[in-house]
Amino acid sequence: MILPNGITGFYDSKNNKPPYVDGKQFKQICFAIATDNGGEVLEFREPQYPMNFYNVKVEIFNNHFHILLNEHYHYLAFAAIVEFGYINFIDESRLLKSFSSFYKVLSTKELNEPLLPRHELNTAELAQVAYWKPEKIGEVIYNYWD
């Protein structure tokens, strides 16, 4: 998987700023999909320093888990645990189709791929990678770097 410029939330110039996803739309989609599947949104957290992703805690299918969306790109993932510096990614096949029409839903296989130098990261991001030393793609896409 090739990581696009600004995926981490860091950029090296004002001309190289990453885009932003529509958080309001994401919130509406999460509430609609949760309700359609007999579940509910328990908490909706917007990205705030140092977190670079939306974190939506839900209860669906008698299970609690998180729906994550990168702040800059339409990359969505599911997680069982989200803690500062640690995310346990999971696959949630029952919601894949619902979210796939809006976002690129990443599998645990993609998220757990080793971080290799095949990306379009900018110099500010490369400096963060050197400092934080993430080992997997998912640790770059969803991070708590400051």
C-alpha atoms as a PDB file:
ATOM      1  CA  MET A   1       0.000   0.000   0.000  1.00  0.00           C
ATOM      2  CA  ILE A   2       1.368   3.396  -0.974  1.00  0.00           C
ATOM      3  CA  LEU A   3       0.821   6.096   1.650  1.00  0.00           C
ATOM      4  CA  PRO A   4      -0.128   9.506   0.230  1.00  0.00           C
ATOM      5  CA  ASN A   5       1.438  12.826   1.200  1.00  0.00           C
ATOM      6  CA  GLY A   6       0.080  14.160   4.499  1.00  0.00           C
ATOM      7  CA  ILE A   7      -1.510  10.903   5.718  1.00  0.00           C
ATOM      8  CA  THR A   8       0.154  11.453   9.106  1.00  0.00           C
ATOM      9  CA  GLY A   9      -1.128  15.012   9.449  1.00  0.00           C
ATOM     10  CA  PHE A  10       2.353  16.495   9.080  1.00  0.00           C
ATOM     11  CA  TYR A  11       3.463  18.556   6.094  1.00  0.00           C
ATOM     12  CA  ASP A  12       6.554  20.469   5.103  1.00  0.00           C
ATOM     13  CA  SER A  13       5.047  23.578   3.499  1.00  0.00           C
ATOM     14  CA  LYS A  14       1.763  25.440   3.193  1.00  0.00           C
ATOM     15  CA  ASN A  15       1.703  24.456  -0.482  1.00  0.00           C
ATOM     16  CA  ASN A  16       1.915  20.782   0.484  1.00  0.00           C
ATOM     17  CA  LYS A  17      -0.942  20.601   3.010  1.00  0.00           C
ATOM     18  CA  PRO A  18      -2.996  17.409   2.934  1.00  0.00           C
ATOM     19  CA  PRO A  19      -6.748  17.533   2.286  1.00  0.00           C
ATOM     20  CA  TYR A  20      -9.332  17.043   5.030  1.00  0.00           C
ATOM     21  CA  VAL A  21     -12.255  14.628   5.106  1.00  0.00           C
ATOM     22  CA  ASP A  22     -15.746  15.873   5.912  1.00  0.00           C
ATOM     23  CA  GLY A  23     -16.195  15.062   9.602  1.00  0.00           C
ATOM     24  CA  LYS A  24     -19.845  16.098   9.684  1.00  0.00           C
ATOM     25  CA  GLN A  25     -20.650  13.689   6.852  1.00  0.00           C
ATOM     26  CA  PHE A  26     -18.676  10.917   8.561  1.00  0.00           C
ATOM     27  CA  LYS A  27     -20.655  11.444  11.761  1.00  0.00           C
ATOM     28  CA  GLN A  28     -23.961  11.233   9.878  1.00  0.00           C
ATOM     29  CA  ILE A  29     -22.853   8.071   8.066  1.00  0.00           C
ATOM     30  CA  CYS A  30     -21.765   6.391  11.313  1.00  0.00           C
ATOM     31  CA  PHE A  31     -25.058   7.164  13.059  1.00  0.00           C
ATOM     32  CA  ALA A  32     -27.076   5.955  10.052  1.00  0.00           C
ATOM     33  CA  ILE A  33     -25.134   2.703   9.614  1.00  0.00           C
ATOM     34  CA  ALA A  34     -25.170   1.948  13.345  1.00  0.00           C
ATOM     35  CA  THR A  35     -28.937   2.508  13.519  1.00  0.00           C
ATOM     36  CA  ASP A  36     -29.601   0.494  10.343  1.00  0.00           C
ATOM     37  CA  ASN A  37     -27.764  -2.445  11.947  1.00  0.00           C
ATOM     38  CA  GLY A  38     -29.599  -2.285  15.270  1.00  0.00           C
ATOM     39  CA  GLY A  39     -26.722  -0.602  17.044  1.00  0.00           C
ATOM     40  CA  GLU A  40     -25.797   2.785  18.402  1.00  0.00           C
ATOM     41  CA  VAL A  41     -22.949   5.263  18.496  1.00  0.00           C
ATOM     42  CA  LEU A  42     -21.644   5.490  22.055  1.00  0.00           C
ATOM     43  CA  GLU A  43     -19.001   8.156  21.496  1.00  0.00           C
ATOM     44  CA  PHE A  44     -17.833  10.303  18.590  1.00  0.00           C
ATOM     45  CA  ARG A  45     -14.350  11.800  18.979  1.00  0.00           C
ATOM     46  CA  GLU A  46     -12.983  14.239  16.443  1.00  0.00           C
ATOM     47  CA  PRO A  47      -9.262  14.427  15.735  1.00  0.00           C
ATOM     48  CA  GLN A  48      -7.523  16.601  18.261  1.00  0.00           C
ATOM     49  CA  TYR A  49      -3.893  16.997  19.118  1.00  0.00           C
ATOM     50  CA  PRO A  50      -2.078  14.631  18.965  1.00  0.00           C
ATOM     51  CA  MET A  51      -4.625  12.219  17.425  1.00  0.00           C
ATOM     52  CA  ASN A  52      -4.872  12.342  13.591  1.00  0.00           C
ATOM     53  CA  PHE A  53      -8.110  10.375  13.201  1.00  0.00           C
ATOM     54  CA  TYR A  54     -11.794  10.259  14.054  1.00  0.00           C
ATOM     55  CA  ASN A  55     -12.611   7.617  16.665  1.00  0.00           C
ATOM     56  CA  VAL A  56     -16.200   6.409  16.880  1.00  0.00           C
ATOM     57  CA  LYS A  57     -17.066   3.921  19.603  1.00  0.00           C
ATOM     58  CA  VAL A  58     -20.112   1.841  18.706  1.00  0.00           C
ATOM     59  CA  GLU A  59     -22.172  -1.053  19.941  1.00  0.00           C
ATOM     60  CA  ILE A  60     -23.399  -3.111  17.008  1.00  0.00           C
ATOM     61  CA  PHE A  61     -24.132  -6.845  16.763  1.00  0.00           C
ATOM     62  CA  ASN A  62     -23.916  -7.033  20.604  1.00  0.00           C
ATOM     63  CA  ASN A  63     -20.263  -6.035  20.355  1.00  0.00           C
ATOM     64  CA  HIS A  64     -18.333  -2.888  21.263  1.00  0.00           C
ATOM     65  CA  PHE A  65     -15.686  -1.702  18.808  1.00  0.00           C
ATOM     66  CA  HIS A  66     -14.285   1.431  17.182  1.00  0.00           C
ATOM     67  CA  ILE A  67     -14.604   2.871  13.698  1.00  0.00           C
ATOM     68  CA  LEU A  68     -11.583   4.961  12.733  1.00  0.00           C
ATOM     69  CA  LEU A  69     -11.237   7.443   9.890  1.00  0.00           C
ATOM     70  CA  ASN A  70      -8.029   9.226   9.000  1.00  0.00           C
ATOM     71  CA  GLU A  71      -8.448  12.994   9.272  1.00  0.00           C
ATOM     72  CA  HIS A  72      -6.971  13.647   5.824  1.00  0.00           C
ATOM     73  CA  TYR A  73      -7.852  10.713   3.586  1.00  0.00           C
ATOM     74  CA  HIS A  74     -10.878   8.438   3.242  1.00  0.00           C
ATOM     75  CA  TYR A  75      -9.152   5.487   4.931  1.00  0.00           C
ATOM     76  CA  LEU A  76     -11.440   3.699   7.383  1.00  0.00           C
ATOM     77  CA  ALA A  77     -10.600   0.877   9.792  1.00  0.00           C
ATOM     78  CA  PHE A  78     -12.187  -1.059  12.625  1.00  0.00           C
ATOM     79  CA  ALA A  79     -10.506  -1.662  15.977  1.00  0.00           C
ATOM     80  CA  ALA A  80     -11.256  -3.612  19.141  1.00  0.00           C
ATOM     81  CA  ILE A  81      -8.982  -1.439  21.285  1.00  0.00           C
ATOM     82  CA  VAL A  82      -7.862   2.167  20.796  1.00  0.00           C
ATOM     83  CA  GLU A  83      -5.424   3.489  23.366  1.00  0.00           C
ATOM     84  CA  PHE A  84      -2.708   6.105  23.210  1.00  0.00           C
ATOM     85  CA  GLY A  85       0.066   4.448  21.227  1.00  0.00           C
ATOM     86  CA  TYR A  86      -1.788   1.158  20.699  1.00  0.00           C
ATOM     87  CA  ILE A  87      -4.584   0.132  18.347  1.00  0.00           C
ATOM     88  CA  ASN A  88      -5.780  -3.436  17.903  1.00  0.00           C
ATOM     89  CA  PHE A  89      -7.228  -3.501  14.380  1.00  0.00           C
ATOM     90  CA  ILE A  90      -9.993  -5.960  13.484  1.00  0.00           C
ATOM     91  CA  ASP A  91     -11.992  -6.873  10.399  1.00  0.00           C
ATOM     92  CA  GLU A  92     -15.731  -6.247  10.590  1.00  0.00           C
ATOM     93  CA  SER A  93     -17.055  -7.884   7.441  1.00  0.00           C
ATOM     94  CA  ARG A  94     -20.695  -7.187   8.346  1.00  0.00           C
ATOM     95  CA  LEU A  95     -20.129  -3.441   7.917  1.00  0.00           C
ATOM     96  CA  LEU A  96     -17.688  -3.570   5.010  1.00  0.00           C
ATOM     97  CA  LYS A  97     -20.282  -3.033   2.283  1.00  0.00           C
ATOM     98  CA  SER A  98     -22.041  -0.212   4.155  1.00  0.00           C
ATOM     99  CA  PHE A  99     -18.877   1.854   4.578  1.00  0.00           C
ATOM    100  CA  SER A 100     -17.216   0.884   1.272  1.00  0.00           C
ATOM    101  CA  SER A 101     -19.482   3.135  -0.754  1.00  0.00           C
ATOM    102  CA  PHE A 102     -18.064   6.141   1.131  1.00  0.00           C
ATOM    103  CA  TYR A 103     -14.539   5.159   2.242  1.00  0.00           C
ATOM    104  CA  LYS A 104     -11.670   2.809   1.508  1.00  0.00           C
ATOM    105  CA  VAL A 105     -12.086   0.211   4.239  1.00  0.00           C
ATOM    106  CA  LEU A 106      -8.689  -1.174   5.192  1.00  0.00           C
ATOM    107  CA  SER A 107      -8.284  -4.797   6.228  1.00  0.00           C
ATOM    108  CA  THR A 108      -6.113  -5.970   9.094  1.00  0.00           C
ATOM    109  CA  LYS A 109      -3.840  -7.501   6.468  1.00  0.00           C
ATOM    110  CA  GLU A 110      -3.252  -4.063   4.908  1.00  0.00           C
ATOM    111  CA  LEU A 111      -2.931  -2.298   8.272  1.00  0.00           C
ATOM    112  CA  ASN A 112      -0.434  -4.815   9.606  1.00  0.00           C
ATOM    113  CA  GLU A 113       1.822  -4.663   6.521  1.00  0.00           C
ATOM    114  CA  PRO A 114       5.354  -3.659   7.429  1.00  0.00           C
ATOM    115  CA  LEU A 115       6.226  -0.051   6.727  1.00  0.00           C
ATOM    116  CA  LEU A 116       8.477  -0.075   3.687  1.00  0.00           C
ATOM    117  CA  PRO A 117       9.873   2.874   1.736  1.00  0.00           C
ATOM    118  CA  ARG A 118       7.132   2.845  -0.908  1.00  0.00           C
ATOM    119  CA  HIS A 119       5.173   5.907  -0.103  1.00  0.00           C
ATOM    120  CA  GLU A 120       4.720   9.549  -0.972  1.00  0.00           C
ATOM    121  CA  LEU A 121       5.441  10.883   2.525  1.00  0.00           C
ATOM    122  CA  ASN A 122       6.829  14.401   2.717  1.00  0.00           C
ATOM    123  CA  THR A 123      10.008  15.391   4.578  1.00  0.00           C
ATOM    124  CA  ALA A 124       8.115  16.365   7.762  1.00  0.00           C
ATOM    125  CA  GLU A 125       6.456  12.949   7.802  1.00  0.00           C
ATOM    126  CA  LEU A 126       9.719  11.147   7.193  1.00  0.00           C
ATOM    127  CA  ALA A 127      11.174  12.961  10.215  1.00  0.00           C
ATOM    128  CA  GLN A 128       8.214  11.771  12.332  1.00  0.00           C
ATOM    129  CA  VAL A 129       8.646   8.212  11.064  1.00  0.00           C
ATOM    130  CA  ALA A 130      12.316   8.348  12.003  1.00  0.00           C
ATOM    131  CA  TYR A 131      11.422   9.579  15.497  1.00  0.00           C
ATOM    132  CA  TRP A 132       8.410   7.363  16.311  1.00  0.00           C
ATOM    133  CA  LYS A 133       9.666   4.293  14.438  1.00  0.00           C
ATOM    134  CA  PRO A 134       6.321   2.767  13.426  1.00  0.00           C
ATOM    135  CA  GLU A 135       6.604  -0.775  12.177  1.00  0.00           C
ATOM    136  CA  LYS A 136       3.244  -1.155  10.438  1.00  0.00           C
ATOM    137  CA  ILE A 137       1.180   0.825   7.932  1.00  0.00           C
ATOM    138  CA  GLY A 138      -1.697   1.176  10.420  1.00  0.00           C
ATOM    139  CA  GLU A 139       0.593   2.922  12.920  1.00  0.00           C
ATOM    140  CA  VAL A 140       1.244   5.642  10.336  1.00  0.00           C
ATOM    141  CA  ILE A 141      -2.331   6.102   9.119  1.00  0.00           C
ATOM    142  CA  TYR A 142      -3.756   6.276  12.662  1.00  0.00           C
ATOM    143  CA  ASN A 143      -1.303   7.899  15.035  1.00  0.00           C
ATOM    144  CA  TYR A 144      -0.878   9.939  18.211  1.00  0.00           C
ATOM    145  CA  TRP A 145       2.283  11.738  17.134  1.00  0.00           C
ATOM    146  CA  ASP A 146       2.956  15.223  18.457  1.00  0.00           C
END
